Protein backbone atom coordinates (compact mmCIF):
# COMPACT_ATOMS: atom_id res chain seq x y z
CA MET A 1 1.49 10.87 3.37
CA PRO A 2 3.94 8.60 5.22
CA VAL A 3 5.97 6.21 3.07
CA ILE A 4 5.69 2.67 4.45
CA SER A 5 7.98 0.79 2.03
CA ARG A 6 9.74 0.90 -1.33
CA PHE A 7 10.47 -2.07 -3.58
CA HIS A 8 10.68 -2.96 -7.27
CA GLY A 9 10.17 0.70 -8.22
CA LEU A 10 6.99 0.94 -6.11
CA THR A 11 6.33 3.27 -3.19
CA VAL A 12 3.75 2.25 -0.57
CA MET A 13 2.03 5.08 1.32
CA MET A 14 -0.77 5.45 3.85
CA TYR A 15 -2.66 8.66 4.53
CA GLN A 16 -3.35 9.70 8.10
CA ARG A 17 -6.81 8.60 9.22
CA GLY A 18 -8.25 12.14 9.41
CA LYS A 19 -7.65 12.51 5.67
CA GLU A 20 -8.83 9.02 4.69
CA HIS A 21 -11.85 6.76 4.58
CA ASN A 22 -12.68 3.10 5.10
CA PRO A 23 -11.94 0.41 4.15
CA PRO A 24 -8.35 0.43 5.41
CA HIS A 25 -6.00 0.70 2.44
CA VAL A 26 -2.66 1.81 1.03
CA HIS A 27 -1.75 3.87 -2.01
CA ILE A 28 0.97 2.41 -4.23
CA LYS A 29 2.76 4.42 -6.92
CA ASP A 30 5.36 3.34 -9.43
CA LYS A 31 8.36 5.34 -10.60
CA ASP A 32 6.34 6.72 -13.54
CA GLY A 33 3.56 8.10 -11.32
CA HIS A 34 1.02 5.35 -12.02
CA CYS A 35 -0.93 4.40 -8.93
CA GLY A 36 -3.34 1.97 -7.33
CA VAL A 37 -5.30 1.77 -4.09
CA PHE A 38 -5.36 -1.61 -2.30
CA SER A 39 -7.19 -2.87 0.78
CA PHE A 40 -5.22 -4.78 3.38
CA GLY A 41 -6.81 -7.94 2.04
CA GLY A 42 -4.93 -7.27 -1.21
CA VAL A 43 -8.04 -6.22 -3.12
CA LEU A 44 -7.58 -3.51 -5.73
CA LEU A 45 -10.12 -0.83 -4.75
CA CYS A 46 -10.20 1.21 -7.95
CA ASP A 47 -9.02 1.18 -11.53
CA THR A 48 -5.27 1.41 -11.79
CA ASP A 49 -2.68 2.15 -14.39
CA LEU A 50 -0.07 -0.03 -12.66
CA SER A 51 1.18 -2.92 -14.78
CA PRO A 52 -0.12 -6.44 -14.05
CA LYS A 53 3.33 -7.32 -12.58
CA GLU A 54 3.21 -4.27 -10.30
CA VAL A 55 -0.30 -5.18 -9.15
CA SER A 56 0.88 -8.73 -8.44
CA ASP A 57 3.91 -7.46 -6.47
CA ALA A 58 1.71 -5.05 -4.51
CA MET A 59 -0.77 -7.79 -3.60
CA GLU A 60 2.02 -10.15 -2.55
CA TRP A 61 3.62 -7.47 -0.35
CA ILE A 62 0.28 -6.59 1.25
CA SER A 63 -0.43 -10.26 2.02
CA LEU A 64 2.91 -10.46 3.85
CA HIS A 65 2.24 -7.30 5.91
CA SER A 66 -1.54 -7.15 6.38
CA ALA A 67 -1.41 -7.47 10.19
CA GLU A 68 1.17 -4.69 10.47
CA LEU A 69 -0.80 -2.49 8.07
CA ASN A 70 -3.98 -2.95 10.13
CA THR A 71 -2.08 -1.98 13.27
CA MET A 72 -0.74 1.15 11.57
CA TRP A 73 -4.23 2.07 10.34
CA ASP A 74 -5.66 1.67 13.87
CA THR A 75 -2.84 3.32 15.84
CA GLN A 76 -1.57 5.82 13.25
CA ASP A 77 1.93 4.83 14.37
CA PHE A 78 3.63 4.62 10.97
CA VAL A 79 6.75 2.49 10.61
CA LYS A 80 8.82 1.31 7.67
CA LEU A 81 8.10 -2.26 6.56
CA ALA A 82 10.47 -4.64 4.79
CA PRO A 83 10.40 -4.53 1.00
CA LEU A 84 9.37 -7.41 -1.20
CA GLU A 85 12.51 -9.37 -2.11
């Protein structure tokens, strides 16, 4: 699974389309292995064990990069994106 970005102890990843399903989304894991799945609209798609702060950071980062994430989902051309400052 390609790593798209890393920030605040979080790693953002996107599976290749052949191994994934709609809606378009990313997987975000923290340094302790907790994870969440988020749509490109910043909606949490399943229960998560990420902390509320990590969920907030993930949603903020996704809102900043949603257009780029959609392009990656459509083209499968994975690139690194800037971290959340």
